[in-house]
Amino acid sequence: MSKVSLYSTVVRTKDQVSTHLGGDVVILALNSGEYYSLEDVGARIWDIIQDPKTVKDILDIFLHEYDVESEGCKRNLLELLQELANAGLVEVKDEAVT
């Protein structure tokens, strides 16, 4: 399992289906049959990673859209993306830092 870093590129896997339900997103992992739910900010992340994005790009979007502290936002973002990766809901590609 790849560890998510600031320079990783993440995207939703094909092995899931998801839908918006109110302000939340409900996701079914097709491989395991497990359901997941993302609220508010998690749902926004899910929308953003419909197409491949670097974690840094996602962080920049959140720092622009929300009045949040940078380090806390980064820590929470990395934690959520790692949980999604561990559940098999996102693909992680590590990028070489140049």
PDB file of N, CA and C in Angstrom:
ATOM      1  N   MET A   1       0.846  -1.180   0.000  1.00  0.00           N
ATOM      2  CA  MET A   1       0.000   0.000   0.000  1.00  0.00           C
ATOM      3  C   MET A   1       0.889   1.241   0.000  1.00  0.00           C
ATOM      4  N   SER A   2       0.625   2.142  -0.908  1.00  0.00           N
ATOM      5  CA  SER A   2       1.408   3.373  -0.989  1.00  0.00           C
ATOM      6  C   SER A   2       1.032   4.329   0.129  1.00  0.00           C
ATOM      7  N   LYS A   3       2.036   4.976   0.671  1.00  0.00           N
ATOM      8  CA  LYS A   3       1.809   6.006   1.675  1.00  0.00           C
ATOM      9  C   LYS A   3       1.535   7.313   0.944  1.00  0.00           C
ATOM     10  N   VAL A   4       0.480   7.982   1.336  1.00  0.00           N
ATOM     11  CA  VAL A   4       0.092   9.239   0.708  1.00  0.00           C
ATOM     12  C   VAL A   4       0.992  10.353   1.234  1.00  0.00           C
ATOM     13  N   SER A   5       1.556  11.124   0.316  1.00  0.00           N
ATOM     14  CA  SER A   5       2.379  12.271   0.680  1.00  0.00           C
ATOM     15  C   SER A   5       1.845  13.505  -0.035  1.00  0.00           C
ATOM     16  N   LEU A   6       2.407  14.636   0.281  1.00  0.00           N
ATOM     17  CA  LEU A   6       1.992  15.898  -0.325  1.00  0.00           C
ATOM     18  C   LEU A   6       2.156  15.869  -1.844  1.00  0.00           C
ATOM     19  N   TYR A   7       3.109  15.075  -2.326  1.00  0.00           N
ATOM     20  CA  TYR A   7       3.408  15.037  -3.758  1.00  0.00           C
ATOM     21  C   TYR A   7       2.807  13.832  -4.466  1.00  0.00           C
ATOM     22  N   SER A   8       1.984  13.063  -3.769  1.00  0.00           N
ATOM     23  CA  SER A   8       1.267  11.939  -4.392  1.00  0.00           C
ATOM     24  C   SER A   8       0.154  12.483  -5.276  1.00  0.00           C
ATOM     25  N   THR A   9      -0.165  11.728  -6.312  1.00  0.00           N
ATOM     26  CA  THR A   9      -1.343  12.001  -7.128  1.00  0.00           C
ATOM     27  C   THR A   9      -2.396  10.977  -6.738  1.00  0.00           C
ATOM     28  N   VAL A  10      -3.607  11.446  -6.495  1.00  0.00           N
ATOM     29  CA  VAL A  10      -4.698  10.560  -6.084  1.00  0.00           C
ATOM     30  C   VAL A  10      -5.879  10.711  -7.031  1.00  0.00           C
ATOM     31  N   VAL A  11      -6.607   9.612  -7.191  1.00  0.00           N
ATOM     32  CA  VAL A  11      -7.815   9.600  -8.019  1.00  0.00           C
ATOM     33  C   VAL A  11      -8.701   8.467  -7.516  1.00  0.00           C
ATOM     34  N   ARG A  12     -10.000   8.624  -7.691  1.00  0.00           N
ATOM     35  CA  ARG A  12     -10.935   7.552  -7.313  1.00  0.00           C
ATOM     36  C   ARG A  12     -10.607   6.288  -8.114  1.00  0.00           C
ATOM     37  N   THR A  13     -10.769   5.120  -7.481  1.00  0.00           N
ATOM     38  CA  THR A  13     -10.602   3.876  -8.213  1.00  0.00           C
ATOM     39  C   THR A  13     -11.847   3.602  -9.044  1.00  0.00           C
ATOM     40  N   LYS A  14     -11.717   2.680  -9.965  1.00  0.00           N
ATOM     41  CA  LYS A  14     -12.860   2.251 -10.783  1.00  0.00           C
ATOM     42  C   LYS A  14     -13.692   1.215 -10.020  1.00  0.00           C
ATOM     43  N   ASP A  15     -13.128   0.662  -8.926  1.00  0.00           N
ATOM     44  CA  ASP A  15     -13.781  -0.404  -8.173  1.00  0.00           C
ATOM     45  C   ASP A  15     -14.711   0.134  -7.091  1.00  0.00           C
ATOM     46  N   GLN A  16     -15.444   1.181  -7.417  1.00  0.00           N
ATOM     47  CA  GLN A  16     -16.380   1.777  -6.471  1.00  0.00           C
ATOM     48  C   GLN A  16     -17.485   2.468  -7.238  1.00  0.00           C
ATOM     49  N   VAL A  17     -18.600   2.654  -6.565  1.00  0.00           N
ATOM     50  CA  VAL A  17     -19.669   3.508  -7.072  1.00  0.00           C
ATOM     51  C   VAL A  17     -20.042   4.449  -5.942  1.00  0.00           C
ATOM     52  N   SER A  18     -20.389   5.660  -6.317  1.00  0.00           N
ATOM     53  CA  SER A  18     -20.716   6.644  -5.285  1.00  0.00           C
ATOM     54  C   SER A  18     -21.870   7.512  -5.754  1.00  0.00           C
ATOM     55  N   THR A  19     -22.539   8.112  -4.762  1.00  0.00           N
ATOM     56  CA  THR A  19     -23.630   9.025  -5.054  1.00  0.00           C
ATOM     57  C   THR A  19     -23.713  10.070  -3.954  1.00  0.00           C
ATOM     58  N   HIS A  20     -24.207  11.245  -4.327  1.00  0.00           N
ATOM     59  CA  HIS A  20     -24.460  12.297  -3.345  1.00  0.00           C
ATOM     60  C   HIS A  20     -25.805  12.023  -2.696  1.00  0.00           C
ATOM     61  N   LEU A  21     -25.847  12.189  -1.390  1.00  0.00           N
ATOM     62  CA  LEU A  21     -27.074  12.007  -0.628  1.00  0.00           C
ATOM     63  C   LEU A  21     -27.145  13.175   0.347  1.00  0.00           C
ATOM     64  N   GLY A  22     -27.926  14.185  -0.007  1.00  0.00           N
ATOM     65  CA  GLY A  22     -27.891  15.428   0.761  1.00  0.00           C
ATOM     66  C   GLY A  22     -26.538  16.072   0.548  1.00  0.00           C
ATOM     67  N   GLY A  23     -25.862  16.452   1.617  1.00  0.00           N
ATOM     68  CA  GLY A  23     -24.525  17.029   1.517  1.00  0.00           C
ATOM     69  C   GLY A  23     -23.420  15.999   1.647  1.00  0.00           C
ATOM     70  N   ASP A  24     -23.799  14.734   1.799  1.00  0.00           N
ATOM     71  CA  ASP A  24     -22.828  13.657   1.982  1.00  0.00           C
ATOM     72  C   ASP A  24     -22.613  12.899   0.678  1.00  0.00           C
ATOM     73  N   VAL A  25     -21.567  12.076   0.680  1.00  0.00           N
ATOM     74  CA  VAL A  25     -21.334  11.136  -0.407  1.00  0.00           C
ATOM     75  C   VAL A  25     -21.324   9.744   0.203  1.00  0.00           C
ATOM     76  N   VAL A  26     -22.049   8.827  -0.421  1.00  0.00           N
ATOM     77  CA  VAL A  26     -22.059   7.433  -0.006  1.00  0.00           C
ATOM     78  C   VAL A  26     -21.322   6.641  -1.083  1.00  0.00           C
ATOM     79  N   ILE A  27     -20.376   5.804  -0.634  1.00  0.00           N
ATOM     80  CA  ILE A  27     -19.513   5.067  -1.551  1.00  0.00           C
ATOM     81  C   ILE A  27     -19.644   3.576  -1.256  1.00  0.00           C
ATOM     82  N   LEU A  28     -19.769   2.772  -2.302  1.00  0.00           N
ATOM     83  CA  LEU A  28     -19.757   1.319  -2.181  1.00  0.00           C
ATOM     84  C   LEU A  28     -18.460   0.814  -2.808  1.00  0.00           C
ATOM     85  N   ALA A  29     -17.627   0.167  -2.007  1.00  0.00           N
ATOM     86  CA  ALA A  29     -16.414  -0.475  -2.516  1.00  0.00           C
ATOM     87  C   ALA A  29     -16.845  -1.800  -3.137  1.00  0.00           C
ATOM     88  N   LEU A  30     -16.693  -1.926  -4.444  1.00  0.00           N
ATOM     89  CA  LEU A  30     -17.188  -3.105  -5.144  1.00  0.00           C
ATOM     90  C   LEU A  30     -16.428  -4.374  -4.759  1.00  0.00           C
ATOM     91  N   ASN A  31     -15.150  -4.256  -4.434  1.00  0.00           N
ATOM     92  CA  ASN A  31     -14.349  -5.440  -4.085  1.00  0.00           C
ATOM     93  C   ASN A  31     -14.742  -6.030  -2.747  1.00  0.00           C
ATOM     94  N   SER A  32     -15.071  -5.179  -1.784  1.00  0.00           N
ATOM     95  CA  SER A  32     -15.361  -5.667  -0.435  1.00  0.00           C
ATOM     96  C   SER A  32     -16.849  -5.664  -0.099  1.00  0.00           C
ATOM     97  N   GLY A  33     -17.633  -4.882  -0.853  1.00  0.00           N
ATOM     98  CA  GLY A  33     -19.050  -4.758  -0.551  1.00  0.00           C
ATOM     99  C   GLY A  33     -19.338  -3.829   0.620  1.00  0.00           C
ATOM    100  N   GLU A  34     -18.317  -3.131   1.099  1.00  0.00           N
ATOM    101  CA  GLU A  34     -18.488  -2.215   2.228  1.00  0.00           C
ATOM    102  C   GLU A  34     -18.929  -0.841   1.743  1.00  0.00           C
ATOM    103  N   TYR A  35     -19.753  -0.205   2.573  1.00  0.00           N
ATOM    104  CA  TYR A  35     -20.210   1.153   2.307  1.00  0.00           C
ATOM    105  C   TYR A  35     -19.413   2.133   3.156  1.00  0.00           C
ATOM    106  N   TYR A  36     -19.177   3.311   2.597  1.00  0.00           N
ATOM    107  CA  TYR A  36     -18.489   4.392   3.303  1.00  0.00           C
ATOM    108  C   TYR A  36     -19.304   5.660   3.098  1.00  0.00           C
ATOM    109  N   SER A  37     -19.185   6.572   4.036  1.00  0.00           N
ATOM    110  CA  SER A  37     -19.882   7.849   3.945  1.00  0.00           C
ATOM    111  C   SER A  37     -18.890   8.980   4.222  1.00  0.00           C
ATOM    112  N   LEU A  38     -18.946  10.001   3.390  1.00  0.00           N
ATOM    113  CA  LEU A  38     -18.117  11.191   3.585  1.00  0.00           C
ATOM    114  C   LEU A  38     -19.048  12.385   3.752  1.00  0.00           C
ATOM    115  N   GLU A  39     -18.804  13.167   4.782  1.00  0.00           N
ATOM    116  CA  GLU A  39     -19.596  14.366   5.024  1.00  0.00           C
ATOM    117  C   GLU A  39     -18.847  15.589   4.506  1.00  0.00           C
ATOM    118  N   ASP A  40     -19.547  16.657   4.310  1.00  0.00           N
ATOM    119  CA  ASP A  40     -19.075  17.997   3.963  1.00  0.00           C
ATOM    120  C   ASP A  40     -17.706  18.045   3.272  1.00  0.00           C
ATOM    121  N   VAL A  41     -16.650  18.212   4.072  1.00  0.00           N
ATOM    122  CA  VAL A  41     -15.306  18.400   3.526  1.00  0.00           C
ATOM    123  C   VAL A  41     -14.841  17.133   2.815  1.00  0.00           C
ATOM    124  N   GLY A  42     -15.122  15.976   3.385  1.00  0.00           N
ATOM    125  CA  GLY A  42     -14.766  14.726   2.729  1.00  0.00           C
ATOM    126  C   GLY A  42     -15.463  14.571   1.388  1.00  0.00           C
ATOM    127  N   ALA A  43     -16.720  14.993   1.329  1.00  0.00           N
ATOM    128  CA  ALA A  43     -17.477  14.953   0.079  1.00  0.00           C
ATOM    129  C   ALA A  43     -16.856  15.898  -0.948  1.00  0.00           C
ATOM    130  N   ARG A  44     -16.377  17.042  -0.491  1.00  0.00           N
ATOM    131  CA  ARG A  44     -15.714  17.987  -1.406  1.00  0.00           C
ATOM    132  C   ARG A  44     -14.431  17.371  -1.971  1.00  0.00           C
ATOM    133  N   ILE A  45     -13.666  16.702  -1.112  1.00  0.00           N
ATOM    134  CA  ILE A  45     -12.447  16.020  -1.573  1.00  0.00           C
ATOM    135  C   ILE A  45     -12.819  14.966  -2.611  1.00  0.00           C
ATOM    136  N   TRP A  46     -13.867  14.199  -2.340  1.00  0.00           N
ATOM    137  CA  TRP A  46     -14.294  13.153  -3.260  1.00  0.00           C
ATOM    138  C   TRP A  46     -14.630  13.740  -4.632  1.00  0.00           C
ATOM    139  N   ASP A  47     -15.289  14.886  -4.645  1.00  0.00           N
ATOM    140  CA  ASP A  47     -15.600  15.552  -5.914  1.00  0.00           C
ATOM    141  C   ASP A  47     -14.325  15.980  -6.636  1.00  0.00           C
ATOM    142  N   ILE A  48     -13.375  16.513  -5.894  1.00  0.00           N
ATOM    143  CA  ILE A  48     -12.124  17.002  -6.492  1.00  0.00           C
ATOM    144  C   ILE A  48     -11.337  15.869  -7.137  1.00  0.00           C
ATOM    145  N   ILE A  49     -11.329  14.687  -6.503  1.00  0.00           N
ATOM    146  CA  ILE A  49     -10.486  13.599  -7.015  1.00  0.00           C
ATOM    147  C   ILE A  49     -11.205  12.716  -8.033  1.00  0.00           C
ATOM    148  N   GLN A  50     -12.248  13.239  -8.630  1.00  0.00           N
ATOM    149  CA  GLN A  50     -12.867  12.540  -9.760  1.00  0.00           C
ATOM    150  C   GLN A  50     -11.826  12.413 -10.873  1.00  0.00           C
ATOM    151  N   ASP A  51     -10.992  13.417 -11.021  1.00  0.00           N
ATOM    152  CA  ASP A  51      -9.858  13.412 -11.936  1.00  0.00           C
ATOM    153  C   ASP A  51      -8.587  13.424 -11.093  1.00  0.00           C
ATOM    154  N   PRO A  52      -7.481  12.872 -11.605  1.00  0.00           N
ATOM    155  CA  PRO A  52      -6.242  12.834 -10.819  1.00  0.00           C
ATOM    156  C   PRO A  52      -5.791  14.231 -10.378  1.00  0.00           C
ATOM    157  N   LYS A  53      -5.434  14.330  -9.109  1.00  0.00           N
ATOM    158  CA  LYS A  53      -4.934  15.585  -8.527  1.00  0.00           C
ATOM    159  C   LYS A  53      -3.805  15.254  -7.575  1.00  0.00           C
ATOM    160  N   THR A  54      -2.841  16.157  -7.466  1.00  0.00           N
ATOM    161  CA  THR A  54      -1.832  15.969  -6.428  1.00  0.00           C
ATOM    162  C   THR A  54      -2.434  16.410  -5.103  1.00  0.00           C
ATOM    163  N   VAL A  55      -1.910  15.849  -4.039  1.00  0.00           N
ATOM    164  CA  VAL A  55      -2.380  16.229  -2.714  1.00  0.00           C
ATOM    165  C   VAL A  55      -2.119  17.714  -2.495  1.00  0.00           C
ATOM    166  N   LYS A  56      -1.002  18.200  -2.990  1.00  0.00           N
ATOM    167  CA  LYS A  56      -0.678  19.631  -2.866  1.00  0.00           C
ATOM    168  C   LYS A  56      -1.737  20.482  -3.558  1.00  0.00           C
ATOM    169  N   ASP A  57      -2.186  20.078  -4.731  1.00  0.00           N
ATOM    170  CA  ASP A  57      -3.241  20.819  -5.436  1.00  0.00           C
ATOM    171  C   ASP A  57      -4.542  20.835  -4.621  1.00  0.00           C
ATOM    172  N   ILE A  58      -4.883  19.695  -4.024  1.00  0.00           N
ATOM    173  CA  ILE A  58      -6.095  19.626  -3.191  1.00  0.00           C
ATOM    174  C   ILE A  58      -5.946  20.545  -1.985  1.00  0.00           C
ATOM    175  N   LEU A  59      -4.775  20.510  -1.361  1.00  0.00           N
ATOM    176  CA  LEU A  59      -4.511  21.383  -0.211  1.00  0.00           C
ATOM    177  C   LEU A  59      -4.645  22.847  -0.616  1.00  0.00           C
ATOM    178  N   ASP A  60      -4.097  23.219  -1.753  1.00  0.00           N
ATOM    179  CA  ASP A  60      -4.194  24.608  -2.223  1.00  0.00           C
ATOM    180  C   ASP A  60      -5.649  25.022  -2.441  1.00  0.00           C
ATOM    181  N   ILE A  61      -6.462  24.109  -2.976  1.00  0.00           N
ATOM    182  CA  ILE A  61      -7.890  24.394  -3.182  1.00  0.00           C
ATOM    183  C   ILE A  61      -8.552  24.675  -1.836  1.00  0.00           C
ATOM    184  N   PHE A  62      -8.273  23.833  -0.846  1.00  0.00           N
ATOM    185  CA  PHE A  62      -8.895  24.002   0.469  1.00  0.00           C
ATOM    186  C   PHE A  62      -8.424  25.270   1.163  1.00  0.00           C
ATOM    187  N   LEU A  63      -7.162  25.611   1.037  1.00  0.00           N
ATOM    188  CA  LEU A  63      -6.662  26.831   1.664  1.00  0.00           C
ATOM    189  C   LEU A  63      -7.276  28.064   1.021  1.00  0.00           C
ATOM    190  N   HIS A  64      -7.642  27.950  -0.254  1.00  0.00           N
ATOM    191  CA  HIS A  64      -8.292  29.059  -0.954  1.00  0.00           C
ATOM    192  C   HIS A  64      -9.787  29.133  -0.603  1.00  0.00           C
ATOM    193  N   GLU A  65     -10.449  27.989  -0.478  1.00  0.00           N
ATOM    194  CA  GLU A  65     -11.898  27.955  -0.269  1.00  0.00           C
ATOM    195  C   GLU A  65     -12.325  28.095   1.190  1.00  0.00           C
ATOM    196  N   TYR A  66     -11.471  27.678   2.119  1.00  0.00           N
ATOM    197  CA  TYR A  66     -11.840  27.651   3.528  1.00  0.00           C
ATOM    198  C   TYR A  66     -10.860  28.468   4.357  1.00  0.00           C
ATOM    199  N   ASP A  67     -11.333  28.992   5.452  1.00  0.00           N
ATOM    200  CA  ASP A  67     -10.485  29.718   6.390  1.00  0.00           C
ATOM    201  C   ASP A  67      -9.947  28.703   7.404  1.00  0.00           C
ATOM    202  N   VAL A  68      -8.855  28.023   7.009  1.00  0.00           N
ATOM    203  CA  VAL A  68      -8.275  26.968   7.839  1.00  0.00           C
ATOM    204  C   VAL A  68      -6.776  27.192   7.992  1.00  0.00           C
ATOM    205  N   GLU A  69      -6.231  26.610   9.037  1.00  0.00           N
ATOM    206  CA  GLU A  69      -4.802  26.662   9.305  1.00  0.00           C
ATOM    207  C   GLU A  69      -4.118  25.624   8.418  1.00  0.00           C
ATOM    208  N   SER A  70      -3.041  26.001   7.761  1.00  0.00           N
ATOM    209  CA  SER A  70      -2.378  25.189   6.744  1.00  0.00           C
ATOM    210  C   SER A  70      -1.920  23.826   7.253  1.00  0.00           C
ATOM    211  N   GLU A  71      -1.208  23.788   8.367  1.00  0.00           N
ATOM    212  CA  GLU A  71      -0.656  22.518   8.862  1.00  0.00           C
ATOM    213  C   GLU A  71      -1.749  21.549   9.289  1.00  0.00           C
ATOM    214  N   GLY A  72      -2.756  22.050   9.968  1.00  0.00           N
ATOM    215  CA  GLY A  72      -3.864  21.193  10.383  1.00  0.00           C
ATOM    216  C   GLY A  72      -4.631  20.657   9.188  1.00  0.00           C
ATOM    217  N   CYS A  73      -4.854  21.499   8.200  1.00  0.00           N
ATOM    218  CA  CYS A  73      -5.554  21.088   6.993  1.00  0.00           C
ATOM    219  C   CYS A  73      -4.746  20.009   6.274  1.00  0.00           C
ATOM    220  N   LYS A  74      -3.450  20.224   6.146  1.00  0.00           N
ATOM    221  CA  LYS A  74      -2.577  19.246   5.488  1.00  0.00           C
ATOM    222  C   LYS A  74      -2.614  17.906   6.220  1.00  0.00           C
ATOM    223  N   ARG A  75      -2.502  17.937   7.522  1.00  0.00           N
ATOM    224  CA  ARG A  75      -2.503  16.713   8.327  1.00  0.00           C
ATOM    225  C   ARG A  75      -3.824  15.952   8.154  1.00  0.00           C
ATOM    226  N   ASN A  76      -4.948  16.665   8.237  1.00  0.00           N
ATOM    227  CA  ASN A  76      -6.261  16.033   8.089  1.00  0.00           C
ATOM    228  C   ASN A  76      -6.474  15.487   6.677  1.00  0.00           C
ATOM    229  N   LEU A  77      -6.017  16.231   5.679  1.00  0.00           N
ATOM    230  CA  LEU A  77      -6.144  15.802   4.292  1.00  0.00           C
ATOM    231  C   LEU A  77      -5.346  14.523   4.046  1.00  0.00           C
ATOM    232  N   LEU A  78      -4.108  14.497   4.502  1.00  0.00           N
ATOM    233  CA  LEU A  78      -3.274  13.303   4.334  1.00  0.00           C
ATOM    234  C   LEU A  78      -3.887  12.096   5.044  1.00  0.00           C
ATOM    235  N   GLU A  79      -4.429  12.328   6.234  1.00  0.00           N
ATOM    236  CA  GLU A  79      -5.038  11.245   7.001  1.00  0.00           C
ATOM    237  C   GLU A  79      -6.252  10.664   6.276  1.00  0.00           C
ATOM    238  N   LEU A  80      -7.142  11.531   5.779  1.00  0.00           N
ATOM    239  CA  LEU A  80      -8.330  11.055   5.082  1.00  0.00           C
ATOM    240  C   LEU A  80      -7.956  10.325   3.795  1.00  0.00           C
ATOM    241  N   LEU A  81      -7.046  10.895   3.015  1.00  0.00           N
ATOM    242  CA  LEU A  81      -6.657  10.251   1.764  1.00  0.00           C
ATOM    243  C   LEU A  81      -5.998   8.900   2.018  1.00  0.00           C
ATOM    244  N   GLN A  82      -5.230   8.791   3.100  1.00  0.00           N
ATOM    245  CA  GLN A  82      -4.619   7.503   3.436  1.00  0.00           C
ATOM    246  C   GLN A  82      -5.694   6.487   3.811  1.00  0.00           C
ATOM    247  N   GLU A  83      -6.705   6.919   4.561  1.00  0.00           N
ATOM    248  CA  GLU A  83      -7.805   6.020   4.909  1.00  0.00           C
ATOM    249  C   GLU A  83      -8.547   5.551   3.659  1.00  0.00           C
ATOM    250  N   LEU A  84      -8.791   6.466   2.717  1.00  0.00           N
ATOM    251  CA  LEU A  84      -9.453   6.101   1.464  1.00  0.00           C
ATOM    252  C   LEU A  84      -8.588   5.135   0.658  1.00  0.00           C
ATOM    253  N   ALA A  85      -7.280   5.352   0.650  1.00  0.00           N
ATOM    254  CA  ALA A  85      -6.366   4.453  -0.058  1.00  0.00           C
ATOM    255  C   ALA A  85      -6.359   3.076   0.600  1.00  0.00           C
ATOM    256  N   ASN A  86      -6.303   3.040   1.926  1.00  0.00           N
ATOM    257  CA  ASN A  86      -6.304   1.763   2.650  1.00  0.00           C
ATOM    258  C   ASN A  86      -7.590   0.978   2.399  1.00  0.00           C
ATOM    259  N   ALA A  87      -8.700   1.689   2.178  1.00  0.00           N
ATOM    260  CA  ALA A  87      -9.984   1.046   1.901  1.00  0.00           C
ATOM    261  C   ALA A  87     -10.119   0.656   0.430  1.00  0.00           C
ATOM    262  N   GLY A  88      -9.129   1.014  -0.389  1.00  0.00           N
ATOM    263  CA  GLY A  88      -9.178   0.684  -1.808  1.00  0.00           C
ATOM    264  C   GLY A  88     -10.085   1.579  -2.619  1.00  0.00           C
ATOM    265  N   LEU A  89     -10.377   2.773  -2.105  1.00  0.00           N
ATOM    266  CA  LEU A  89     -11.278   3.695  -2.791  1.00  0.00           C
ATOM    267  C   LEU A  89     -10.554   4.701  -3.666  1.00  0.00           C
ATOM    268  N   VAL A  90      -9.262   4.907  -3.423  1.00  0.00           N
ATOM    269  CA  VAL A  90      -8.468   5.804  -4.259  1.00  0.00           C
ATOM    270  C   VAL A  90      -7.171   5.108  -4.654  1.00  0.00           C
ATOM    271  N   GLU A  91      -6.688   5.477  -5.830  1.00  0.00           N
ATOM    272  CA  GLU A  91      -5.380   5.033  -6.304  1.00  0.00           C
ATOM    273  C   GLU A  91      -4.384   6.127  -5.949  1.00  0.00           C
ATOM    274  N   VAL A  92      -3.189   5.722  -5.551  1.00  0.00           N
ATOM    275  CA  VAL A  92      -2.139   6.659  -5.162  1.00  0.00           C
ATOM    276  C   VAL A  92      -0.932   6.419  -6.063  1.00  0.00           C
ATOM    277  N   LYS A  93      -0.462   7.475  -6.675  1.00  0.00           N
ATOM    278  CA  LYS A  93       0.754   7.402  -7.472  1.00  0.00           C
ATOM    279  C   LYS A  93       1.740   8.400  -6.881  1.00  0.00           C
ATOM    280  N   ASP A  94       2.893   7.895  -6.497  1.00  0.00           N
ATOM    281  CA  ASP A  94       3.909   8.776  -5.911  1.00  0.00           C
ATOM    282  C   ASP A  94       4.675   9.463  -7.028  1.00  0.00           C
ATOM    283  N   GLU A  95       4.894  10.758  -6.842  1.00  0.00           N
ATOM    284  CA  GLU A  95       5.646  11.557  -7.809  1.00  0.00           C
ATOM    285  C   GLU A  95       7.014  11.847  -7.248  1.00  0.00           C
ATOM    286  N   ALA A  96       8.005  11.813  -8.085  1.00  0.00           N
ATOM    287  CA  ALA A  96       9.343  12.188  -7.665  1.00  0.00           C
ATOM    288  C   ALA A  96       9.396  13.703  -7.482  1.00  0.00           C
ATOM    289  N   VAL A  97       9.967  14.137  -6.380  1.00  0.00           N
ATOM    290  CA  VAL A  97      10.109  15.570  -6.109  1.00  0.00           C
ATOM    291  C   VAL A  97      11.342  16.058  -6.840  1.00  0.00           C
ATOM    292  N   THR A  98      11.159  17.094  -7.676  1.00  0.00           N
ATOM    293  CA  THR A  98      12.303  17.621  -8.443  1.00  0.00           C
ATOM    294  C   THR A  98      12.692  18.985  -7.951  1.00  0.00           C
TER     295      THR A  98
END
